[in-house]
Amino acid sequence: MKSPPLTKPPRQVHAALLKVYPQPAGEMVAFERQEATGQQPCRLETLNMLGQKLYDQPIKEGTNTVSHLPAGQHFYRLWRDEGIVEVGKVVVVK
C-alpha cells in the first residue's frame, strides 16, 4: 500500500516569479522578482539542507541580493498571503 505524501506540493500561481543567479553562486546570490508593480507583498526564505531557516525577509520588485549564505546547497521559498508560490534550489560555492 502506497502511503500519502507528507506535505502538499506548493500551488503554482504563475510561471517563474523569481530569476535566481548566478548558478552556482559565490559571495552573493541575486533573486530578481519578475512581477509587475502593484502585486502582493512577498517574503523570501532560504533554508539549508537540514531545513534550518537562514534568511527570511520581504522581497521587493526588482533585484534583491543575499550575501551571507554559507557554501552548500540551499532551498528557497517565495511566500505570499495564500502560502508558498514558488520553490527552488541554489548552490553556493566559496
Protein backbone atom coordinates (compact mmCIF):
# COMPACT_ATOMS: atom_id res chain seq x y z
CA MET A 1 0.00 0.00 0.00
CA LYS A 2 1.39 3.37 -1.01
CA SER A 3 1.49 5.96 1.78
CA PRO A 4 0.19 9.50 1.13
CA PRO A 5 2.69 12.36 0.71
CA LEU A 6 3.70 14.08 3.93
CA THR A 7 3.14 17.59 2.62
CA LYS A 8 1.06 19.19 -0.07
CA PRO A 9 3.14 20.50 -3.02
CA PRO A 10 3.20 24.28 -3.49
CA ARG A 11 0.48 25.71 -5.65
CA GLN A 12 1.82 27.11 -8.92
CA VAL A 13 0.18 30.52 -9.30
CA HIS A 14 2.37 31.87 -12.11
CA ALA A 15 5.28 30.84 -14.25
CA ALA A 16 8.62 31.63 -12.60
CA LEU A 17 8.26 34.64 -10.31
CA LEU A 18 11.95 34.69 -9.43
CA LYS A 19 15.07 34.60 -11.53
CA VAL A 20 17.96 33.30 -9.39
CA TYR A 21 21.54 33.89 -10.50
CA PRO A 22 24.40 33.14 -10.77
CA GLN A 23 24.16 29.37 -10.51
CA PRO A 24 26.32 28.25 -8.80
CA ALA A 25 26.62 31.40 -6.68
CA GLY A 26 29.71 32.75 -4.96
CA GLU A 27 29.68 35.52 -2.37
CA MET A 28 26.29 36.87 -3.48
CA VAL A 29 23.04 35.42 -4.85
CA ALA A 30 20.61 37.63 -6.78
CA PHE A 31 16.86 36.94 -6.54
CA GLU A 32 15.14 39.00 -9.22
CA ARG A 33 11.41 39.37 -8.72
CA GLN A 34 9.75 39.19 -12.15
CA GLU A 35 6.30 40.60 -11.33
CA ALA A 36 4.65 43.80 -12.43
CA THR A 37 4.34 46.71 -10.00
CA GLY A 38 1.41 46.54 -7.61
CA GLN A 39 1.49 42.80 -6.93
CA GLN A 40 1.06 41.36 -3.44
CA PRO A 41 3.92 41.65 -0.96
CA CYS A 42 6.20 38.60 -0.87
CA ARG A 43 8.69 37.10 1.55
CA LEU A 44 11.79 35.16 0.59
CA GLU A 45 13.13 32.34 2.77
CA THR A 46 16.30 30.35 2.27
CA LEU A 47 16.85 27.06 4.08
CA ASN A 48 19.83 24.75 4.36
CA MET A 49 19.63 21.03 3.59
CA LEU A 50 18.52 20.35 7.19
CA GLY A 51 15.54 22.68 6.79
CA GLN A 52 17.02 25.36 9.04
CA LYS A 53 15.98 28.86 8.02
CA LEU A 54 18.96 31.03 7.06
CA TYR A 55 17.15 34.06 5.63
CA ASP A 56 13.59 35.36 5.89
CA GLN A 57 12.88 38.86 4.62
CA PRO A 58 10.36 40.76 2.50
CA ILE A 59 11.40 40.84 -1.14
CA LYS A 60 10.80 43.89 -3.31
CA GLU A 61 10.21 44.07 -7.04
CA GLY A 62 13.47 44.00 -8.97
CA THR A 63 16.81 42.55 -7.86
CA ASN A 64 17.35 41.53 -4.23
CA THR A 65 20.73 40.20 -3.13
CA VAL A 66 21.61 37.79 -0.33
CA SER A 67 25.28 37.65 0.58
CA HIS A 68 25.65 35.70 3.82
CA LEU A 69 24.76 32.16 2.74
CA PRO A 70 27.38 29.54 3.59
CA ALA A 71 28.75 27.19 0.94
CA GLY A 72 26.43 24.29 0.07
CA GLN A 73 23.02 23.55 -1.39
CA HIS A 74 20.12 25.67 -0.23
CA PHE A 75 16.40 25.80 -0.94
CA TYR A 76 14.41 28.98 -1.37
CA ARG A 77 10.70 29.60 -0.94
CA LEU A 78 8.69 32.60 -2.07
CA TRP A 79 5.68 33.28 0.17
CA ARG A 80 2.54 35.34 -0.30
CA ASP A 81 -0.53 35.61 1.90
CA GLU A 82 -2.02 32.48 0.31
CA GLY A 83 1.09 30.41 1.04
CA ILE A 84 4.17 29.24 -0.86
CA VAL A 85 4.03 30.25 -4.53
CA GLU A 86 7.50 29.18 -5.71
CA VAL A 87 10.30 26.92 -4.52
CA GLY A 88 13.74 26.21 -5.90
CA LYS A 89 17.35 25.38 -5.16
CA VAL A 90 20.53 27.42 -5.24
CA VAL A 91 24.12 26.19 -4.86
CA VAL A 92 26.72 28.40 -3.16
CA VAL A 93 30.46 27.76 -3.63
CA LYS A 94 33.15 29.80 -1.90
